[in-house]
């Protein structure tokens, strides 16, 4: 009797696995939902829509964008973590959803490693250190020297954001104490820096680029290791503080347990989309560097980002309910 039950179980499992393999081989058979874990209009939303449109062409099915903002991206990421692992619900993840929030939030809505299947890293986006033109500093070193002589403050898009922590890493490496002023988004932060209510800001380069080009902001340094192609005359902060490097990034994730064949199909479409010259041209508008990757490379990237940010979050004593 035991033998018969075991045999039936094996046969049933074989049938199920066979059906799963067939479904994966035919993926996708219907539209896919790409969850953007932030409100419409931001750089992650714009990048996501460009990628979704081009990937949909590769896959032969429409990819519908769904904005699920809130809790610094955790609401949308948590929704995907709990979705059916079939590849039909995927996430546009960021440094916030997969490195910072898991370190900062007291209540952990998901595990950034265990709850997701990495698909592909897509782009890296520089941040920028900029000042109001009235600030008597034209270089990163001059700002450091100024901060050692008189009190300064810097604005960011909010507590626990990549921009806040870019500032905290800068303070730590430069040995200066600049007061952080958090805002509810880059828009209001920029408004006060342009009005010189706050002298310094860390912002996404795409968000600040228009004000830099017009001369309303003075860019002192980009946060990536190399200079941004869109602003080649702006030095990298690392040219003054060797080893300094932060950036925002966008990557695709599926729920953990998604069949490898489905992940491979999504990865193939993502890599093809990022290789499209038209997509590359659009990404240049955001000073974004295309870094299409394998799923394994994205998995290692997430672990490295968490390891990089953990001491910064700890030393800055950043935590959110």
C-alpha atoms as a PDB file:
ATOM      1  CA  UNK A   1       0.000   0.000   0.000  1.00  0.00           C
ATOM      2  CA  UNK A   2       2.774   2.374   0.928  1.00  0.00           C
ATOM      3  CA  UNK A   3       4.525   1.580  -2.360  1.00  0.00           C
ATOM      4  CA  UNK A   4       1.379   2.344  -4.357  1.00  0.00           C
ATOM      5  CA  UNK A   5       0.855   5.698  -2.601  1.00  0.00           C
ATOM      6  CA  UNK A   6       4.475   6.631  -3.141  1.00  0.00           C
ATOM      7  CA  UNK A   7       4.276   5.626  -6.783  1.00  0.00           C
ATOM      8  CA  UNK A   8       1.106   7.664  -7.280  1.00  0.00           C
ATOM      9  CA  UNK A   9       2.754  10.658  -5.604  1.00  0.00           C
ATOM     10  CA  UNK A  10       5.752  10.396  -7.911  1.00  0.00           C
ATOM     11  CA  UNK A  11       3.531  10.112 -10.972  1.00  0.00           C
ATOM     12  CA  UNK A  12       1.442  13.091  -9.837  1.00  0.00           C
ATOM     13  CA  UNK A  13       4.560  15.164  -9.215  1.00  0.00           C
ATOM     14  CA  UNK A  14       5.910  14.237 -12.640  1.00  0.00           C
ATOM     15  CA  UNK A  15       2.691  15.410 -14.283  1.00  0.00           C
ATOM     16  CA  UNK A  16       2.711  18.677 -12.329  1.00  0.00           C
ATOM     17  CA  UNK A  17       6.351  19.348 -13.157  1.00  0.00           C
ATOM     18  CA  UNK A  18       5.676  18.552 -16.787  1.00  0.00           C
ATOM     19  CA  UNK A  19       2.792  21.016 -16.892  1.00  0.00           C
ATOM     20  CA  UNK A  20       4.898  23.656 -15.143  1.00  0.00           C
ATOM     21  CA  UNK A  21       7.688  23.130 -17.653  1.00  0.00           C
ATOM     22  CA  UNK A  22       5.245  23.491 -20.536  1.00  0.00           C
ATOM     23  CA  UNK A  23       3.783  26.668 -19.052  1.00  0.00           C
ATOM     24  CA  UNK A  24       7.253  28.131 -18.594  1.00  0.00           C
ATOM     25  CA  UNK A  25       8.194  27.222 -22.158  1.00  0.00           C
ATOM     26  CA  UNK A  26       5.106  29.051 -23.477  1.00  0.00           C
ATOM     27  CA  UNK A  27       5.614  32.102 -21.266  1.00  0.00           C
ATOM     28  CA  UNK A  28       4.120  34.636 -21.590  1.00  0.00           C
ATOM     29  CA  UNK A  29       0.585  33.752 -22.637  1.00  0.00           C
ATOM     30  CA  UNK A  30      -1.031  36.943 -21.318  1.00  0.00           C
ATOM     31  CA  UNK A  31      -0.134  40.453 -20.243  1.00  0.00           C
ATOM     32  CA  UNK A  32       2.422  41.068 -17.501  1.00  0.00           C
ATOM     33  CA  UNK A  33       2.116  43.613 -14.695  1.00  0.00           C
ATOM     34  CA  UNK A  34       5.186  45.667 -13.820  1.00  0.00           C
ATOM     35  CA  UNK A  35       4.802  47.196 -10.364  1.00  0.00           C
ATOM     36  CA  UNK A  36       6.515  50.559  -9.965  1.00  0.00           C
ATOM     37  CA  UNK A  37       6.773  51.070  -6.180  1.00  0.00           C
ATOM     38  CA  UNK A  38       6.625  54.872  -6.430  1.00  0.00           C
ATOM     39  CA  UNK A  39       4.198  57.488  -7.694  1.00  0.00           C
ATOM     40  CA  UNK A  40       3.960  58.286 -11.387  1.00  0.00           C
ATOM     41  CA  UNK A  41       6.285  60.913 -12.822  1.00  0.00           C
ATOM     42  CA  UNK A  42       9.535  60.110 -11.024  1.00  0.00           C
ATOM     43  CA  UNK A  43      12.647  58.779 -12.691  1.00  0.00           C
ATOM     44  CA  UNK A  44      11.894  55.163 -11.669  1.00  0.00           C
ATOM     45  CA  UNK A  45       8.432  55.469 -13.209  1.00  0.00           C
ATOM     46  CA  UNK A  46       9.766  56.928 -16.452  1.00  0.00           C
ATOM     47  CA  UNK A  47      12.539  54.340 -16.763  1.00  0.00           C
ATOM     48  CA  UNK A  48      10.047  51.582 -15.956  1.00  0.00           C
ATOM     49  CA  UNK A  49       7.603  52.632 -18.647  1.00  0.00           C
ATOM     50  CA  UNK A  50      10.323  52.813 -21.287  1.00  0.00           C
ATOM     51  CA  UNK A  51      11.571  49.354 -20.351  1.00  0.00           C
ATOM     52  CA  UNK A  52       8.063  47.884 -20.104  1.00  0.00           C
ATOM     53  CA  UNK A  53       7.136  49.057 -23.569  1.00  0.00           C
ATOM     54  CA  UNK A  54      10.283  47.641 -25.196  1.00  0.00           C
ATOM     55  CA  UNK A  55      10.230  44.362 -23.239  1.00  0.00           C
ATOM     56  CA  UNK A  56       6.594  43.887 -24.221  1.00  0.00           C
ATOM     57  CA  UNK A  57       7.631  44.006 -27.869  1.00  0.00           C
ATOM     58  CA  UNK A  58      10.293  41.374 -27.228  1.00  0.00           C
ATOM     59  CA  UNK A  59       7.912  39.073 -25.365  1.00  0.00           C
ATOM     60  CA  UNK A  60       4.935  39.555 -27.658  1.00  0.00           C
ATOM     61  CA  UNK A  61       2.673  40.544 -24.759  1.00  0.00           C
ATOM     62  CA  UNK A  62       1.784  43.898 -23.260  1.00  0.00           C
ATOM     63  CA  UNK A  63       3.479  44.843 -19.985  1.00  0.00           C
ATOM     64  CA  UNK A  64       1.094  47.005 -17.965  1.00  0.00           C
ATOM     65  CA  UNK A  65       2.608  49.436 -15.457  1.00  0.00           C
ATOM     66  CA  UNK A  66       0.974  49.641 -12.040  1.00  0.00           C
ATOM     67  CA  UNK A  67       2.137  52.378  -9.642  1.00  0.00           C
ATOM     68  CA  UNK A  68       1.970  51.248  -6.006  1.00  0.00           C
ATOM     69  CA  UNK A  69       3.611  54.046  -4.029  1.00  0.00           C
ATOM     70  CA  UNK A  70       4.096  54.345  -0.295  1.00  0.00           C
ATOM     71  CA  UNK A  71       6.501  53.526   2.528  1.00  0.00           C
ATOM     72  CA  UNK A  72       9.565  54.367   0.452  1.00  0.00           C
ATOM     73  CA  UNK A  73       8.760  51.707  -2.110  1.00  0.00           C
ATOM     74  CA  UNK A  74       8.056  48.967   0.434  1.00  0.00           C
ATOM     75  CA  UNK A  75       4.338  48.675  -0.302  1.00  0.00           C
ATOM     76  CA  UNK A  76       4.859  47.882  -3.976  1.00  0.00           C
ATOM     77  CA  UNK A  77       7.831  45.617  -3.308  1.00  0.00           C
ATOM     78  CA  UNK A  78       5.886  43.754  -0.649  1.00  0.00           C
ATOM     79  CA  UNK A  79       2.996  43.249  -3.056  1.00  0.00           C
ATOM     80  CA  UNK A  80       5.272  41.599  -5.615  1.00  0.00           C
ATOM     81  CA  UNK A  81       6.987  39.486  -2.957  1.00  0.00           C
ATOM     82  CA  UNK A  82       3.584  37.938  -2.173  1.00  0.00           C
ATOM     83  CA  UNK A  83       2.441  37.574  -5.805  1.00  0.00           C
ATOM     84  CA  UNK A  84       2.122  34.239  -7.599  1.00  0.00           C
ATOM     85  CA  UNK A  85       5.607  33.149  -8.714  1.00  0.00           C
ATOM     86  CA  UNK A  86       4.687  32.790 -12.366  1.00  0.00           C
ATOM     87  CA  UNK A  87       6.399  35.804 -13.930  1.00  0.00           C
ATOM     88  CA  UNK A  88       3.180  37.700 -14.593  1.00  0.00           C
ATOM     89  CA  UNK A  89       3.800  40.167 -11.745  1.00  0.00           C
ATOM     90  CA  UNK A  90       7.271  41.708 -11.604  1.00  0.00           C
ATOM     91  CA  UNK A  91       8.893  44.626  -9.787  1.00  0.00           C
ATOM     92  CA  UNK A  92      10.968  47.618 -10.804  1.00  0.00           C
ATOM     93  CA  UNK A  93      13.252  47.512  -7.776  1.00  0.00           C
ATOM     94  CA  UNK A  94      15.648  50.203  -6.603  1.00  0.00           C
ATOM     95  CA  UNK A  95      18.381  50.785  -4.051  1.00  0.00           C
ATOM     96  CA  UNK A  96      15.572  51.869  -1.708  1.00  0.00           C
ATOM     97  CA  UNK A  97      13.479  48.689  -2.034  1.00  0.00           C
ATOM     98  CA  UNK A  98      16.364  46.216  -2.004  1.00  0.00           C
ATOM     99  CA  UNK A  99      19.118  47.790   0.103  1.00  0.00           C
ATOM    100  CA  UNK A 100      17.977  50.692   2.256  1.00  0.00           C
ATOM    101  CA  UNK A 101      14.425  49.863   3.360  1.00  0.00           C
ATOM    102  CA  UNK A 102      15.378  46.407   4.654  1.00  0.00           C
ATOM    103  CA  UNK A 103      18.081  48.058   6.757  1.00  0.00           C
ATOM    104  CA  UNK A 104      16.040  51.054   7.932  1.00  0.00           C
ATOM    105  CA  UNK A 105      12.506  49.784   8.541  1.00  0.00           C
ATOM    106  CA  UNK A 106      11.825  48.380  11.990  1.00  0.00           C
ATOM    107  CA  UNK A 107       9.009  46.244  10.602  1.00  0.00           C
ATOM    108  CA  UNK A 108      10.399  44.183   7.714  1.00  0.00           C
ATOM    109  CA  UNK A 109       7.647  43.628   5.115  1.00  0.00           C
ATOM    110  CA  UNK A 110       9.840  41.330   3.011  1.00  0.00           C
ATOM    111  CA  UNK A 111      13.309  39.856   2.699  1.00  0.00           C
ATOM    112  CA  UNK A 112      15.128  41.460  -0.271  1.00  0.00           C
ATOM    113  CA  UNK A 113      17.061  38.270  -0.988  1.00  0.00           C
ATOM    114  CA  UNK A 114      14.837  35.368   0.043  1.00  0.00           C
ATOM    115  CA  UNK A 115      11.544  36.784  -1.277  1.00  0.00           C
ATOM    116  CA  UNK A 116      12.653  37.680  -4.819  1.00  0.00           C
ATOM    117  CA  UNK A 117      14.091  36.099  -7.934  1.00  0.00           C
ATOM    118  CA  UNK A 118      16.545  38.567  -9.522  1.00  0.00           C
ATOM    119  CA  UNK A 119      15.994  39.176 -13.238  1.00  0.00           C
ATOM    120  CA  UNK A 120      18.331  41.945 -14.425  1.00  0.00           C
ATOM    121  CA  UNK A 121      20.034  45.113 -13.275  1.00  0.00           C
ATOM    122  CA  UNK A 122      19.001  47.779 -15.776  1.00  0.00           C
ATOM    123  CA  UNK A 123      20.548  51.202 -15.139  1.00  0.00           C
ATOM    124  CA  UNK A 124      22.659  53.182 -12.704  1.00  0.00           C
ATOM    125  CA  UNK A 125      21.641  56.809 -12.126  1.00  0.00           C
ATOM    126  CA  UNK A 126      24.068  59.318 -10.560  1.00  0.00           C
ATOM    127  CA  UNK A 127      23.197  61.577  -7.692  1.00  0.00           C
ATOM    128  CA  UNK A 128      24.736  65.012  -7.445  1.00  0.00           C
ATOM    129  CA  UNK A 129      26.061  67.286  -4.722  1.00  0.00           C
ATOM    130  CA  UNK A 130      25.016  70.838  -5.555  1.00  0.00           C
ATOM    131  CA  UNK A 131      24.855  74.213  -3.835  1.00  0.00           C
ATOM    132  CA  UNK A 132      23.061  77.498  -4.217  1.00  0.00           C
ATOM    133  CA  UNK A 133      25.310  79.829  -6.259  1.00  0.00           C
ATOM    134  CA  UNK A 134      25.552  82.154  -3.241  1.00  0.00           C
ATOM    135  CA  UNK A 135      27.551  79.499  -1.354  1.00  0.00           C
ATOM    136  CA  UNK A 136      31.279  80.402  -1.453  1.00  0.00           C
ATOM    137  CA  UNK A 137      32.392  76.987  -2.635  1.00  0.00           C
ATOM    138  CA  UNK A 138      33.185  76.001  -6.198  1.00  0.00           C
ATOM    139  CA  UNK A 139      34.641  72.556  -5.521  1.00  0.00           C
ATOM    140  CA  UNK A 140      34.025  69.625  -3.212  1.00  0.00           C
ATOM    141  CA  UNK A 141      37.175  70.449  -1.256  1.00  0.00           C
ATOM    142  CA  UNK A 142      36.100  74.067  -0.813  1.00  0.00           C
ATOM    143  CA  UNK A 143      32.756  72.882   0.551  1.00  0.00           C
ATOM    144  CA  UNK A 144      34.523  70.561   2.993  1.00  0.00           C
ATOM    145  CA  UNK A 145      36.756  73.418   4.128  1.00  0.00           C
ATOM    146  CA  UNK A 146      33.727  75.688   4.534  1.00  0.00           C
ATOM    147  CA  UNK A 147      31.850  73.050   6.557  1.00  0.00           C
ATOM    148  CA  UNK A 148      34.784  72.829   8.956  1.00  0.00           C
ATOM    149  CA  UNK A 149      34.619  76.577   9.593  1.00  0.00           C
ATOM    150  CA  UNK A 150      30.892  77.291   9.827  1.00  0.00           C
ATOM    151  CA  UNK A 151      27.615  75.384  10.242  1.00  0.00           C
ATOM    152  CA  UNK A 152      26.007  74.124   7.047  1.00  0.00           C
ATOM    153  CA  UNK A 153      22.864  72.137   6.202  1.00  0.00           C
ATOM    154  CA  UNK A 154      21.953  69.935   3.282  1.00  0.00           C
ATOM    155  CA  UNK A 155      18.547  69.075   1.867  1.00  0.00           C
ATOM    156  CA  UNK A 156      17.359  65.699   0.630  1.00  0.00           C
ATOM    157  CA  UNK A 157      14.126  64.142  -0.579  1.00  0.00           C
ATOM    158  CA  UNK A 158      13.476  62.565   2.828  1.00  0.00           C
ATOM    159  CA  UNK A 159      14.728  60.535   5.766  1.00  0.00           C
ATOM    160  CA  UNK A 160      16.184  57.181   4.803  1.00  0.00           C
ATOM    161  CA  UNK A 161      16.315  57.942   1.081  1.00  0.00           C
ATOM    162  CA  UNK A 162      19.384  57.212  -1.038  1.00  0.00           C
ATOM    163  CA  UNK A 163      19.979  60.957  -1.175  1.00  0.00           C
ATOM    164  CA  UNK A 164      19.903  61.320   2.608  1.00  0.00           C
ATOM    165  CA  UNK A 165      22.388  58.496   2.957  1.00  0.00           C
ATOM    166  CA  UNK A 166      24.572  59.871   0.160  1.00  0.00           C
ATOM    167  CA  UNK A 167      24.919  62.926   2.396  1.00  0.00           C
ATOM    168  CA  UNK A 168      25.650  60.835   5.481  1.00  0.00           C
ATOM    169  CA  UNK A 169      28.364  58.887   3.658  1.00  0.00           C
ATOM    170  CA  UNK A 170      29.854  62.191   2.462  1.00  0.00           C
ATOM    171  CA  UNK A 171      29.901  63.559   6.030  1.00  0.00           C
ATOM    172  CA  UNK A 172      31.557  60.430   7.334  1.00  0.00           C
ATOM    173  CA  UNK A 173      34.264  60.307   4.687  1.00  0.00           C
ATOM    174  CA  UNK A 174      34.918  64.056   4.687  1.00  0.00           C
ATOM    175  CA  UNK A 175      34.966  64.340   8.478  1.00  0.00           C
ATOM    176  CA  UNK A 176      32.407  67.153   8.568  1.00  0.00           C
ATOM    177  CA  UNK A 177      29.116  67.677  10.384  1.00  0.00           C
ATOM    178  CA  UNK A 178      26.473  69.064   8.017  1.00  0.00           C
ATOM    179  CA  UNK A 179      22.895  69.104   9.327  1.00  0.00           C
ATOM    180  CA  UNK A 180      20.398  67.059   7.334  1.00  0.00           C
ATOM    181  CA  UNK A 181      17.094  68.762   6.413  1.00  0.00           C
ATOM    182  CA  UNK A 182      14.618  66.167   5.071  1.00  0.00           C
ATOM    183  CA  UNK A 183      11.809  67.085   2.670  1.00  0.00           C
ATOM    184  CA  UNK A 184       8.842  65.204   1.243  1.00  0.00           C
ATOM    185  CA  UNK A 185      10.405  64.772  -2.164  1.00  0.00           C
ATOM    186  CA  UNK A 186      13.025  66.395  -4.373  1.00  0.00           C
ATOM    187  CA  UNK A 187      10.652  69.123  -5.562  1.00  0.00           C
ATOM    188  CA  UNK A 188      10.263  70.966  -2.266  1.00  0.00           C
ATOM    189  CA  UNK A 189      13.907  70.330  -1.392  1.00  0.00           C
ATOM    190  CA  UNK A 190      15.036  71.956  -4.629  1.00  0.00           C
ATOM    191  CA  UNK A 191      12.681  74.893  -4.076  1.00  0.00           C
ATOM    192  CA  UNK A 192      14.313  75.758  -0.761  1.00  0.00           C
ATOM    193  CA  UNK A 193      17.848  75.307  -2.073  1.00  0.00           C
ATOM    194  CA  UNK A 194      17.087  77.490  -5.098  1.00  0.00           C
ATOM    195  CA  UNK A 195      15.745  80.095  -2.654  1.00  0.00           C
ATOM    196  CA  UNK A 196      18.860  79.655  -0.488  1.00  0.00           C
ATOM    197  CA  UNK A 197      16.857  78.644   2.580  1.00  0.00           C
ATOM    198  CA  UNK A 198      19.144  75.589   2.636  1.00  0.00           C
ATOM    199  CA  UNK A 199      22.550  75.983   0.968  1.00  0.00           C
ATOM    200  CA  UNK A 200      23.396  72.403  -0.065  1.00  0.00           C
ATOM    201  CA  UNK A 201      21.504  69.495  -1.620  1.00  0.00           C
ATOM    202  CA  UNK A 202      22.019  65.888  -2.610  1.00  0.00           C
ATOM    203  CA  UNK A 203      19.628  65.104  -5.444  1.00  0.00           C
ATOM    204  CA  UNK A 204      19.200  62.758  -8.391  1.00  0.00           C
ATOM    205  CA  UNK A 205      21.133  64.204 -11.301  1.00  0.00           C
ATOM    206  CA  UNK A 206      18.122  63.958 -13.676  1.00  0.00           C
ATOM    207  CA  UNK A 207      15.994  65.959 -11.225  1.00  0.00           C
ATOM    208  CA  UNK A 208      18.598  68.695 -10.738  1.00  0.00           C
ATOM    209  CA  UNK A 209      20.025  68.793 -14.264  1.00  0.00           C
ATOM    210  CA  UNK A 210      17.815  71.604 -15.584  1.00  0.00           C
ATOM    211  CA  UNK A 211      18.726  73.899 -12.688  1.00  0.00           C
ATOM    212  CA  UNK A 212      22.409  73.057 -13.115  1.00  0.00           C
ATOM    213  CA  UNK A 213      22.297  73.833 -16.825  1.00  0.00           C
ATOM    214  CA  UNK A 214      20.526  77.146 -16.184  1.00  0.00           C
ATOM    215  CA  UNK A 215      23.027  78.184 -13.515  1.00  0.00           C
ATOM    216  CA  UNK A 216      20.459  78.242 -10.713  1.00  0.00           C
ATOM    217  CA  UNK A 217      22.394  75.454  -8.998  1.00  0.00           C
ATOM    218  CA  UNK A 218      26.145  74.899  -8.906  1.00  0.00           C
ATOM    219  CA  UNK A 219      27.070  71.231  -9.209  1.00  0.00           C
ATOM    220  CA  UNK A 220      30.174  70.369  -7.201  1.00  0.00           C
ATOM    221  CA  UNK A 221      30.344  66.634  -7.800  1.00  0.00           C
ATOM    222  CA  UNK A 222      28.491  63.563  -8.993  1.00  0.00           C
ATOM    223  CA  UNK A 223      28.276  60.590  -6.673  1.00  0.00           C
ATOM    224  CA  UNK A 224      29.256  57.886  -9.148  1.00  0.00           C
ATOM    225  CA  UNK A 225      32.836  56.678  -9.406  1.00  0.00           C
ATOM    226  CA  UNK A 226      33.154  58.186 -12.877  1.00  0.00           C
ATOM    227  CA  UNK A 227      31.939  61.508 -14.238  1.00  0.00           C
ATOM    228  CA  UNK A 228      28.469  61.575 -15.787  1.00  0.00           C
ATOM    229  CA  UNK A 229      28.559  61.739 -19.608  1.00  0.00           C
ATOM    230  CA  UNK A 230      25.813  64.388 -19.595  1.00  0.00           C
ATOM    231  CA  UNK A 231      27.922  66.705 -17.372  1.00  0.00           C
ATOM    232  CA  UNK A 232      31.542  65.826 -18.181  1.00  0.00           C
ATOM    233  CA  UNK A 233      32.859  69.014 -16.570  1.00  0.00           C
ATOM    234  CA  UNK A 234      31.412  68.113 -13.159  1.00  0.00           C
ATOM    235  CA  UNK A 235      33.980  66.067 -11.219  1.00  0.00           C
ATOM    236  CA  UNK A 236      33.162  62.879  -9.371  1.00  0.00           C
ATOM    237  CA  UNK A 237      33.198  63.342  -5.585  1.00  0.00           C
ATOM    238  CA  UNK A 238      35.596  60.378  -5.578  1.00  0.00           C
ATOM    239  CA  UNK A 239      38.207  62.611  -7.195  1.00  0.00           C
ATOM    240  CA  UNK A 240      38.374  64.405  -3.835  1.00  0.00           C
ATOM    241  CA  UNK A 241      37.242  61.577  -1.521  1.00  0.00           C
ATOM    242  CA  UNK A 242      38.706  58.354  -2.983  1.00  0.00           C
ATOM    243  CA  UNK A 243      36.324  55.448  -2.592  1.00  0.00           C
ATOM    244  CA  UNK A 244      33.188  57.569  -2.340  1.00  0.00           C
ATOM    245  CA  UNK A 245      30.462  56.122  -4.535  1.00  0.00           C
ATOM    246  CA  UNK A 246      26.681  56.145  -4.374  1.00  0.00           C
ATOM    247  CA  UNK A 247      24.027  55.990  -7.037  1.00  0.00           C
ATOM    248  CA  UNK A 248      20.440  55.120  -7.619  1.00  0.00           C
ATOM    249  CA  UNK A 249      19.669  52.010  -9.650  1.00  0.00           C
ATOM    250  CA  UNK A 250      16.762  50.244 -11.244  1.00  0.00           C
ATOM    251  CA  UNK A 251      16.447  46.482 -11.605  1.00  0.00           C
ATOM    252  CA  UNK A 252      13.797  43.884 -12.369  1.00  0.00           C
ATOM    253  CA  UNK A 253      12.716  41.274  -9.831  1.00  0.00           C
ATOM    254  CA  UNK A 254      10.141  38.480  -9.871  1.00  0.00           C
ATOM    255  CA  UNK A 255       8.722  36.713  -6.805  1.00  0.00           C
ATOM    256  CA  UNK A 256      10.875  33.971  -5.302  1.00  0.00           C
ATOM    257  CA  UNK A 257      10.025  30.586  -6.759  1.00  0.00           C
ATOM    258  CA  UNK A 258       9.449  31.857 -10.283  1.00  0.00           C
ATOM    259  CA  UNK A 259      10.542  29.054 -12.664  1.00  0.00           C
ATOM    260  CA  UNK A 260      14.090  29.500 -13.987  1.00  0.00           C
ATOM    261  CA  UNK A 261      12.809  29.308 -17.570  1.00  0.00           C
ATOM    262  CA  UNK A 262      10.483  32.245 -16.915  1.00  0.00           C
ATOM    263  CA  UNK A 263      13.245  34.261 -15.265  1.00  0.00           C
ATOM    264  CA  UNK A 264      15.461  33.500 -18.271  1.00  0.00           C
ATOM    265  CA  UNK A 265      12.752  34.704 -20.677  1.00  0.00           C
ATOM    266  CA  UNK A 266      12.307  37.946 -18.735  1.00  0.00           C
ATOM    267  CA  UNK A 267      16.063  38.448 -18.557  1.00  0.00           C
ATOM    268  CA  UNK A 268      16.481  37.881 -22.296  1.00  0.00           C
ATOM    269  CA  UNK A 269      13.783  40.461 -23.035  1.00  0.00           C
ATOM    270  CA  UNK A 270      15.260  42.972 -20.576  1.00  0.00           C
ATOM    271  CA  UNK A 271      18.775  42.643 -22.010  1.00  0.00           C
ATOM    272  CA  UNK A 272      17.432  43.030 -25.559  1.00  0.00           C
ATOM    273  CA  UNK A 273      15.427  46.092 -24.532  1.00  0.00           C
ATOM    274  CA  UNK A 274      18.445  47.789 -22.978  1.00  0.00           C
ATOM    275  CA  UNK A 275      20.485  47.060 -26.118  1.00  0.00           C
ATOM    276  CA  UNK A 276      18.004  48.969 -28.283  1.00  0.00           C
ATOM    277  CA  UNK A 277      19.628  52.251 -29.483  1.00  0.00           C
ATOM    278  CA  UNK A 278      16.320  54.085 -29.032  1.00  0.00           C
ATOM    279  CA  UNK A 279      16.143  52.985 -25.382  1.00  0.00           C
ATOM    280  CA  UNK A 280      19.797  53.916 -24.872  1.00  0.00           C
ATOM    281  CA  UNK A 281      19.089  57.390 -26.235  1.00  0.00           C
ATOM    282  CA  UNK A 282      16.180  57.837 -23.823  1.00  0.00           C
ATOM    283  CA  UNK A 283      18.334  56.732 -20.906  1.00  0.00           C
ATOM    284  CA  UNK A 284      20.914  59.378 -21.761  1.00  0.00           C
ATOM    285  CA  UNK A 285      18.273  61.973 -20.953  1.00  0.00           C
ATOM    286  CA  UNK A 286      18.449  60.737 -17.357  1.00  0.00           C
ATOM    287  CA  UNK A 287      22.243  60.488 -17.295  1.00  0.00           C
ATOM    288  CA  UNK A 288      21.554  56.792 -16.753  1.00  0.00           C
ATOM    289  CA  UNK A 289      24.226  54.213 -17.481  1.00  0.00           C
ATOM    290  CA  UNK A 290      22.847  50.965 -18.904  1.00  0.00           C
ATOM    291  CA  UNK A 291      24.050  47.914 -17.002  1.00  0.00           C
ATOM    292  CA  UNK A 292      21.970  44.978 -18.230  1.00  0.00           C
ATOM    293  CA  UNK A 293      23.049  41.937 -16.230  1.00  0.00           C
ATOM    294  CA  UNK A 294      22.444  38.277 -15.567  1.00  0.00           C
ATOM    295  CA  UNK A 295      20.120  37.281 -12.696  1.00  0.00           C
ATOM    296  CA  UNK A 296      23.134  36.032 -10.767  1.00  0.00           C
ATOM    297  CA  UNK A 297      24.946  39.348 -11.143  1.00  0.00           C
ATOM    298  CA  UNK A 298      21.895  41.214  -9.865  1.00  0.00           C
ATOM    299  CA  UNK A 299      21.681  38.895  -6.865  1.00  0.00           C
ATOM    300  CA  UNK A 300      25.298  39.641  -5.976  1.00  0.00           C
ATOM    301  CA  UNK A 301      24.703  43.352  -6.544  1.00  0.00           C
ATOM    302  CA  UNK A 302      21.869  43.397  -3.987  1.00  0.00           C
ATOM    303  CA  UNK A 303      24.048  41.681  -1.373  1.00  0.00           C
ATOM    304  CA  UNK A 304      26.925  44.088  -2.042  1.00  0.00           C
ATOM    305  CA  UNK A 305      24.654  47.125  -1.756  1.00  0.00           C
ATOM    306  CA  UNK A 306      23.265  45.955   1.583  1.00  0.00           C
ATOM    307  CA  UNK A 307      26.790  45.360   2.870  1.00  0.00           C
ATOM    308  CA  UNK A 308      27.855  48.842   1.722  1.00  0.00           C
ATOM    309  CA  UNK A 309      24.925  50.676   3.271  1.00  0.00           C
ATOM    310  CA  UNK A 310      24.642  48.760   6.558  1.00  0.00           C
ATOM    311  CA  UNK A 311      27.431  50.664   8.366  1.00  0.00           C
ATOM    312  CA  UNK A 312      26.229  53.991   6.951  1.00  0.00           C
ATOM    313  CA  UNK A 313      22.682  53.373   8.221  1.00  0.00           C
ATOM    314  CA  UNK A 314      24.025  52.184  11.571  1.00  0.00           C
ATOM    315  CA  UNK A 315      26.417  55.078  12.097  1.00  0.00           C
ATOM    316  CA  UNK A 316      23.785  57.640  11.059  1.00  0.00           C
ATOM    317  CA  UNK A 317      21.305  55.948  13.423  1.00  0.00           C
ATOM    318  CA  UNK A 318      18.588  55.939  10.747  1.00  0.00           C
ATOM    319  CA  UNK A 319      15.455  53.916  11.414  1.00  0.00           C
ATOM    320  CA  UNK A 320      11.813  54.252  10.411  1.00  0.00           C
ATOM    321  CA  UNK A 321       8.632  52.668  11.756  1.00  0.00           C
END
